[in-house]
Structure formats: C-alpha cells, structure tokens
Amino acid sequence: MTFSVDGKHVLSCSRDGVRVWRVADGKQMATMEAQAVCLAVSKDGRWIAAGTRSAKVHVWDAKTYTQVFVYHEDSTVTAVEFSPDSSHLVCALQHGAATVWEIATREKVHALRHEDWVFAAKYSSQGDRIATTTGHSVRVYDGDDGRLFVDIEITVTQWVSGTLVWSNNHLLVVSDGEIKQFEASTGLPVSGCPAPDIDPFSYIALSKHGEFIAYSAKRTVIFFDMATYTQLGLIQHPQDIWSIALSPDNLFIAIGGEDGKIIIEGLSRITVSSMCCWIRACMNNFTPKSRWHAMLGIYIRAKATRRTEFDFGKPRQRSA
C-alpha cells in the first residue's frame, strides 16, 4: 500500500489486483490485473510497479493505468522500489537475491546475491545506495555498480518490506523488540527505542522530513519523535494491521487491515517536541497552509479530521 506522489490517491495490492482509490471519498479509480504482493510508485509519478508470487514484475503507466512491460524473475517478488530519479527499479526476491532493472532499456543491470529470502530492498534518498534485509542481516550496496559496502548481522524477524527505512544516512530496522538505527556507511549502531508488541508484520513509516516515525504492531499505530524517541500518540485499529503508509504531506495515514479494508486517518496534533526538528522543518520548506508551527515544536494538523474507509479486496495471505 502506498500514496500517489500528489497524495490524492492510495494504491493497494491483493490477489484481486492493484487498485487506485481517491482519498477524498474512497472512490475506486482503476484496477490493474496482477496477483500482487507488493507495489511502488515512481517518484516522478510516471510508473506503478507491482511484484507477484508468480515471479513477475508488472509496470503500468500511472496516468492511463495501461501495462507498459513485464519483468520476469526466478522467484516470488517480495518488494519493489523505484530509484529517486525513477530510472531504475529494485526488486527483492524470495530465493535469495535483489535485482536492479533499468526502466529505459528494460534490462536487468545488477543481481545482488544473498543466502536467504530477501524481504526488502530500498534506495537511499540520493539513490547512491541500496539497502536490503533478510532474516539474518541488513546489507548496503553501491547503487551504481552493485558492490557490497556493509553487511550488518542482525535478526530481522519480520516478513514484510516495511521493516526497513532510510533516514538520511542512517537505516531504521525493526529487530528484537526494538526500532534500531544504524549508520549506513559503517553499520555501527546509533540509537534505538523499544518497539512494543512486535509481530512478524510490524511496519515502520518515516515522515517526509524525518521528524517522526509511525510504527504498527497488531492493532495499534504508535508515533515517535525521531529526535528523542518520545511517544507522541497512537491510533487504535479494529483489526490486525498489515500495512501503513504516510501521505506525502504527513497529514494522513493509511492503515490496511487483515479484513481487507483501508482506513485513512487524519493526523491531529502529532507533536514533535524538538527545536532542532522545528528548524530542520523550516529549512525544508514546510508551508503554513495545512500546518502551524510552535516555538518549541511542530504540530502536524490535518485540514479536517476525517476518516475514509474502503475495501481493497482479498488480502494477501500471511505465509512464511
């Protein structure tokens, strides 16, 4: 599940296909056929990609929703992500690899070999690094030539791509009951905070400018201040949570439940209690249109607190 680049739509995937929903009213705008287990939208808004259990990666035009091409892999595709410049697509595979495809030529340019099932593959914000996770490690590769830079031995018990997030030059990983932060260039631990009620499908999502993090476990989403790891608030959900996504403007969170429904929640007064975060946010061109700033922090406020709910079809099965 993910938001479109402009935040006006949410995309979901299931055995019934990839669907596009309008955030404002929950109206279904399009359906693309694929028994998808993961999806991504390119940063320039041109492409939608989805991976399947049948070892295919489908790519569609994000404006017309027509299929442009299909990549063929050799095992289930567990995660997909576009590079920041939208020129490449990285795919995590069940049978011990992450592959990199060039969009323009539709050719595979790298195969990053692993010994275990690869759960996640994520580009850094600059696109010069690719991080991957397996059950026993987090690795960092050169985004241009595929060289291995760092291999961090760590137990990652989750089976989904939402347990790995880049935060500038750091990596956030859900492991052993914690959200752990590592320096990507050295693999050295930096900090961490407890991750309560961790389960194999816990997710983490980082706000656009890194002020706060959303963490889901079982039926709860908890928000933490990234500067202090102070808990800012939480949202209770009626079903076990399988995925979460923050809107590009941080005003909304999409929550996907095991019942096959997505709920859009407005984020009201999520407080980031750090002057440094306030300065960083201002330097990153936060606008006052939908948010207001206080001298001792940032309060992220939805235009109007609302809840939109819609059904995205049969959820993917939880399998090992």
Protein backbone atom coordinates (compact mmCIF):
# COMPACT_ATOMS: atom_id res chain seq x y z
CA MET A 1 0.00 0.00 0.00
CA THR A 2 1.25 3.47 -0.84
CA PHE A 3 0.11 7.00 -1.61
CA SER A 4 0.44 8.59 -5.02
CA VAL A 5 3.08 11.30 -5.36
CA ASP A 6 0.49 14.08 -5.05
CA GLY A 7 -1.22 12.38 -2.10
CA LYS A 8 -4.62 12.38 -3.81
CA HIS A 9 -4.80 8.61 -4.23
CA VAL A 10 -3.95 5.44 -2.32
CA LEU A 11 -2.82 2.32 -4.16
CA SER A 12 -3.37 -1.15 -2.74
CA CYS A 13 -2.46 -4.65 -3.87
CA SER A 14 -4.03 -8.04 -3.29
CA ARG A 15 -4.87 -11.25 -5.12
CA ASP A 16 -7.59 -9.26 -6.89
CA GLY A 17 -5.10 -6.85 -8.44
CA VAL A 18 -3.68 -3.37 -7.93
CA ARG A 19 -6.33 -0.77 -7.20
CA VAL A 20 -6.27 3.01 -7.13
CA TRP A 21 -8.53 4.84 -4.68
CA ARG A 22 -9.32 8.53 -4.35
CA VAL A 23 -8.50 9.71 -0.84
CA ALA A 24 -11.20 12.38 -0.73
CA ASP A 25 -14.14 9.99 -0.93
CA GLY A 26 -12.78 6.43 -1.24
CA LYS A 27 -13.92 6.05 -4.85
CA GLN A 28 -12.13 3.31 -6.81
CA MET A 29 -10.48 4.91 -9.85
CA ALA A 30 -8.77 1.95 -11.53
CA THR A 31 -7.89 -1.74 -11.25
CA MET A 32 -4.82 -3.36 -12.80
CA GLU A 33 -4.75 -7.13 -13.13
CA ALA A 34 -2.00 -8.91 -11.19
CA GLN A 35 -1.98 -11.14 -8.14
CA ALA A 36 0.28 -8.66 -6.45
CA VAL A 37 2.02 -8.90 -3.09
CA CYS A 38 3.95 -5.61 -3.23
CA LEU A 39 3.83 -2.32 -5.14
CA ALA A 40 5.56 1.02 -5.63
CA VAL A 41 5.01 4.35 -7.39
CA SER A 42 7.90 6.13 -9.09
CA LYS A 43 8.99 9.43 -7.60
CA ASP A 44 8.18 11.31 -10.82
CA GLY A 45 4.66 9.88 -10.78
CA ARG A 46 5.02 8.16 -14.16
CA TRP A 47 5.07 4.48 -13.21
CA ILE A 48 3.36 1.95 -10.98
CA ALA A 49 5.14 -1.36 -10.33
CA ALA A 50 3.88 -4.50 -8.61
CA GLY A 51 5.53 -7.82 -7.79
CA THR A 52 3.75 -11.17 -7.75
CA ARG A 53 4.10 -14.67 -6.34
CA SER A 54 4.42 -15.91 -9.92
CA ALA A 55 7.83 -14.21 -10.24
CA LYS A 56 6.69 -11.29 -12.37
CA VAL A 57 7.06 -7.54 -12.00
CA HIS A 58 4.35 -5.58 -13.80
CA VAL A 59 4.89 -1.92 -14.70
CA TRP A 60 1.98 0.35 -15.66
CA ASP A 61 1.63 3.93 -16.86
CA ALA A 62 0.41 5.83 -13.78
CA LYS A 63 -1.75 8.20 -15.86
CA THR A 64 -3.53 5.73 -18.13
CA TYR A 65 -3.15 2.58 -15.98
CA THR A 66 -2.13 0.61 -19.07
CA GLN A 67 0.56 -2.03 -18.74
CA VAL A 68 3.86 -0.95 -20.26
CA PHE A 69 6.02 -4.03 -19.73
CA VAL A 70 6.62 -7.07 -17.51
CA TYR A 71 9.87 -8.20 -15.93
CA HIS A 72 10.36 -11.93 -15.34
CA GLU A 73 12.21 -13.06 -12.22
CA ASP A 74 13.01 -16.56 -10.94
CA SER A 75 11.05 -16.47 -7.65
CA THR A 76 8.35 -14.62 -5.75
CA VAL A 77 8.88 -10.86 -5.74
CA THR A 78 8.58 -9.70 -2.12
CA ALA A 79 9.26 -5.97 -2.54
CA VAL A 80 9.77 -3.35 -5.25
CA GLU A 81 11.00 0.25 -5.16
CA PHE A 82 11.97 2.88 -7.73
CA SER A 83 15.18 4.87 -7.51
CA PRO A 84 14.79 8.56 -6.56
CA ASP A 85 15.32 9.63 -10.18
CA SER A 86 12.81 6.98 -11.35
CA SER A 87 15.36 5.48 -13.76
CA HIS A 88 15.70 2.09 -12.04
CA LEU A 89 13.60 -0.43 -10.15
CA VAL A 90 14.96 -2.69 -7.42
CA CYS A 91 13.18 -5.96 -6.64
CA ALA A 92 13.58 -8.18 -3.57
CA LEU A 93 13.20 -11.89 -4.28
CA GLN A 94 12.28 -14.85 -2.13
CA HIS A 95 15.07 -17.06 -3.46
CA GLY A 96 17.99 -15.04 -2.14
CA ALA A 97 18.52 -12.04 -4.42
CA ALA A 98 17.69 -8.43 -5.13
CA THR A 99 17.71 -7.37 -8.77
CA VAL A 100 18.00 -3.93 -10.35
CA TRP A 101 16.27 -3.12 -13.64
CA GLU A 102 16.81 -0.11 -15.88
CA ILE A 103 13.46 1.35 -16.88
CA ALA A 104 14.56 2.86 -20.20
CA THR A 105 16.17 -0.29 -21.60
CA ARG A 106 14.02 -2.79 -19.63
CA GLU A 107 17.18 -4.73 -18.86
CA LYS A 108 18.47 -6.25 -15.64
CA VAL A 109 21.66 -4.44 -14.67
CA HIS A 110 22.50 -5.98 -11.27
CA ALA A 111 21.77 -9.12 -9.26
CA LEU A 112 22.63 -8.71 -5.58
CA ARG A 113 23.04 -12.23 -4.25
CA HIS A 114 22.01 -13.27 -0.73
CA GLU A 115 21.88 -16.54 1.18
CA ASP A 116 18.31 -16.07 2.45
CA TRP A 117 14.91 -14.77 1.47
CA VAL A 118 15.18 -11.01 0.82
CA PHE A 119 12.29 -9.18 2.48
CA ALA A 120 13.07 -5.61 1.49
CA ALA A 121 15.17 -3.54 -0.91
CA LYS A 122 15.25 0.24 -0.50
CA TYR A 123 17.09 3.07 -2.25
CA SER A 124 18.69 5.83 -0.22
CA SER A 125 17.29 9.33 -0.80
CA GLN A 126 20.28 10.16 -3.04
CA GLY A 127 19.96 6.89 -4.96
CA ASP A 128 23.63 6.02 -4.44
CA ARG A 129 22.93 3.15 -2.03
CA ILE A 130 20.57 0.18 -1.88
CA ALA A 131 19.76 -1.46 1.46
CA THR A 132 18.34 -4.97 1.75
CA THR A 133 17.12 -7.15 4.59
CA THR A 134 17.00 -10.89 5.17
CA GLY A 135 16.17 -12.77 8.33
CA HIS A 136 19.79 -12.51 9.49
CA SER A 137 21.27 -9.35 8.05
CA VAL A 138 20.94 -5.85 6.63
CA ARG A 139 23.21 -5.12 3.69
CA VAL A 140 24.13 -1.89 1.92
CA TYR A 141 25.19 -1.94 -1.74
CA ASP A 142 26.50 0.65 -4.16
CA GLY A 143 23.53 1.82 -6.21
CA ASP A 144 25.59 2.22 -9.38
CA ASP A 145 27.72 -0.92 -9.63
CA GLY A 146 26.18 -3.27 -7.04
CA ARG A 147 29.27 -3.59 -4.83
CA LEU A 148 28.64 -4.68 -1.25
CA PHE A 149 29.64 -1.95 1.21
CA VAL A 150 28.25 -3.04 4.59
CA ASP A 151 26.90 -6.30 5.99
CA ILE A 152 25.19 -5.89 9.38
CA GLU A 153 24.47 -9.12 11.25
CA ILE A 154 21.09 -8.64 12.87
CA THR A 155 17.96 -10.70 13.46
CA VAL A 156 15.11 -9.33 11.39
CA THR A 157 12.06 -11.42 12.18
CA GLN A 158 9.54 -9.53 10.03
CA TRP A 159 8.46 -10.85 6.65
CA VAL A 160 7.50 -7.56 5.02
CA SER A 161 9.34 -4.67 3.36
CA GLY A 162 8.04 -2.16 5.91
CA THR A 163 10.69 -3.08 8.48
CA LEU A 164 13.49 -1.16 6.73
CA VAL A 165 13.58 2.62 6.25
CA TRP A 166 16.28 5.07 5.21
CA SER A 167 16.65 8.23 7.30
CA ASN A 168 19.25 10.41 5.60
CA ASN A 169 22.49 8.37 6.02
CA HIS A 170 21.01 6.10 8.66
CA LEU A 171 18.94 2.92 8.46
CA LEU A 172 15.98 2.13 10.70
CA VAL A 173 15.28 -1.57 11.24
CA VAL A 174 12.69 -3.37 13.35
CA SER A 175 14.53 -6.15 15.21
CA ASP A 176 14.44 -7.98 18.54
CA GLY A 177 11.70 -5.82 20.02
CA GLU A 178 13.34 -2.53 19.02
CA ILE A 179 13.46 0.04 16.26
CA LYS A 180 17.23 0.15 15.75
CA GLN A 181 19.13 2.90 13.96
CA PHE A 182 22.43 2.21 12.18
CA GLU A 183 25.00 4.33 10.38
CA ALA A 184 24.70 3.13 6.78
CA SER A 185 28.33 3.72 5.84
CA THR A 186 29.80 1.74 8.75
CA GLY A 187 27.00 -0.48 10.01
CA LEU A 188 27.55 0.80 13.55
CA PRO A 189 24.51 1.18 15.83
CA VAL A 190 23.49 4.75 16.59
CA SER A 191 20.39 4.53 18.76
CA GLY A 192 17.11 2.75 19.21
CA CYS A 193 13.83 2.62 21.04
CA PRO A 194 11.52 -0.16 22.27
CA ALA A 195 9.02 -1.49 19.74
CA PRO A 196 6.15 -2.84 21.86
CA ASP A 197 4.04 -5.84 20.80
CA ILE A 198 6.28 -6.56 17.82
CA ASP A 199 4.92 -9.17 15.42
CA PRO A 200 6.09 -10.60 12.08
CA PHE A 201 4.07 -7.96 10.20
CA SER A 202 5.02 -4.81 12.07
CA TYR A 203 5.63 -1.78 9.85
CA ILE A 204 7.54 1.47 10.18
CA ALA A 205 6.99 4.61 8.12
CA LEU A 206 9.05 7.78 8.31
CA SER A 207 7.63 11.26 7.80
CA LYS A 208 8.84 13.15 4.73
CA HIS A 209 11.46 15.23 6.53
CA GLY A 210 12.25 12.73 9.26
CA GLU A 211 10.53 14.45 12.20
CA PHE A 212 8.55 11.43 13.36
CA ILE A 213 8.10 7.75 12.73
CA ALA A 214 4.92 5.65 12.68
CA TYR A 215 5.19 2.08 13.95
CA SER A 216 2.43 -0.51 13.68
CA ALA A 217 2.04 -3.70 15.70
CA LYS A 218 -1.05 -5.85 15.96
CA ARG A 219 -3.94 -3.34 16.24
CA THR A 220 -2.02 -0.19 17.15
CA VAL A 221 -0.05 2.53 15.36
CA ILE A 222 2.38 4.40 17.62
CA PHE A 223 4.10 7.68 16.68
CA PHE A 224 7.59 8.51 17.95
CA ASP A 225 9.60 11.73 17.84
CA MET A 226 12.73 10.86 15.84
CA ALA A 227 14.93 13.26 17.80
CA THR A 228 14.07 11.93 21.27
CA TYR A 229 12.09 8.71 20.61
CA THR A 230 9.36 10.17 22.81
CA GLN A 231 5.96 8.66 22.13
CA LEU A 232 3.75 11.30 20.53
CA GLY A 233 0.46 9.46 20.28
CA LEU A 234 -1.23 6.35 18.98
CA ILE A 235 -4.13 5.14 16.88
CA GLN A 236 -6.14 2.04 17.78
CA HIS A 237 -7.39 -0.04 14.84
CA PRO A 238 -10.28 -2.53 14.93
CA GLN A 239 -8.33 -5.23 13.04
CA ASP A 240 -4.78 -6.54 12.99
CA ILE A 241 -2.71 -4.16 10.86
CA TRP A 242 -0.90 -5.48 7.81
CA SER A 243 0.48 -2.24 6.37
CA ILE A 244 0.67 1.52 6.89
CA ALA A 245 1.61 4.48 4.70
CA LEU A 246 2.02 8.19 5.42
CA SER A 247 0.77 10.74 2.89
CA PRO A 248 3.48 12.91 1.27
CA ASP A 249 2.36 15.95 3.29
CA ASN A 250 2.21 13.93 6.55
CA LEU A 251 -1.42 14.94 7.09
CA PHE A 252 -2.88 11.46 6.77
CA ILE A 253 -2.03 7.84 7.44
CA ALA A 254 -3.45 4.89 5.51
CA ILE A 255 -3.94 1.72 7.55
CA GLY A 256 -4.52 -1.63 5.86
CA GLY A 257 -6.17 -4.29 7.99
CA GLU A 258 -6.46 -8.05 7.79
CA ASP A 259 -10.17 -7.64 6.95
CA GLY A 260 -9.24 -6.27 3.52
CA LYS A 261 -10.12 -2.65 4.29
CA ILE A 262 -8.07 0.54 4.21
CA ILE A 263 -8.86 3.36 6.61
CA ILE A 264 -7.49 6.88 6.09
CA GLU A 265 -6.97 8.72 9.36
CA GLY A 266 -6.21 12.41 9.73
CA LEU A 267 -3.18 13.14 11.91
CA SER A 268 -4.21 15.68 14.50
CA ARG A 269 -1.64 17.34 16.75
CA ILE A 270 1.15 14.85 16.39
CA THR A 271 3.73 16.78 18.41
CA VAL A 272 7.43 16.77 17.59
CA SER A 273 8.99 18.20 20.73
CA SER A 274 12.34 19.35 19.44
CA MET A 275 13.58 22.81 18.49
CA CYS A 276 16.06 21.14 16.13
CA CYS A 277 13.21 19.45 14.32
CA TRP A 278 11.42 22.80 14.04
CA ILE A 279 14.48 24.39 12.44
CA ARG A 280 15.02 21.42 10.14
CA ALA A 281 11.39 21.51 9.05
CA CYS A 282 11.55 25.21 8.24
CA MET A 283 14.76 24.71 6.27
CA ASN A 284 12.99 22.02 4.26
CA ASN A 285 10.30 24.46 3.13
CA PHE A 286 7.40 23.47 5.32
CA THR A 287 4.45 25.68 4.37
CA PRO A 288 1.85 27.01 6.84
CA LYS A 289 -1.05 26.11 4.57
CA SER A 290 -2.04 22.97 6.44
CA ARG A 291 0.31 23.07 9.45
CA TRP A 292 1.24 25.52 12.13
CA HIS A 293 4.49 25.83 13.99
CA ALA A 294 5.05 26.45 17.68
CA MET A 295 8.28 27.77 19.14
CA LEU A 296 9.03 24.54 20.99
CA GLY A 297 7.95 22.09 18.35
CA ILE A 298 5.87 21.26 15.34
CA TYR A 299 2.22 20.32 15.45
CA ILE A 300 1.14 18.48 12.35
CA ARG A 301 -2.57 19.04 11.85
CA ALA A 302 -4.98 17.70 9.27
CA LYS A 303 -7.11 20.25 7.39
CA ALA A 304 -10.12 18.46 8.83
CA THR A 305 -10.03 15.33 10.94
CA ARG A 306 -11.79 12.74 8.84
CA ARG A 307 -11.91 9.02 8.32
CA THR A 308 -12.25 7.44 4.90
CA GLU A 309 -12.75 3.71 4.57
CA PHE A 310 -12.77 1.43 1.55
CA ASP A 311 -12.36 -2.23 0.68
CA PHE A 312 -9.23 -3.21 -1.26
CA GLY A 313 -10.23 -6.84 -1.85
CA LYS A 314 -8.91 -10.14 -0.62
CA PRO A 315 -5.79 -9.54 1.48
CA ARG A 316 -2.62 -11.38 0.62
CA GLN A 317 -2.05 -14.49 2.67
CA ARG A 318 0.44 -14.45 5.51
CA SER A 319 2.94 -17.08 4.57
CA ALA A 320 6.47 -17.92 5.58
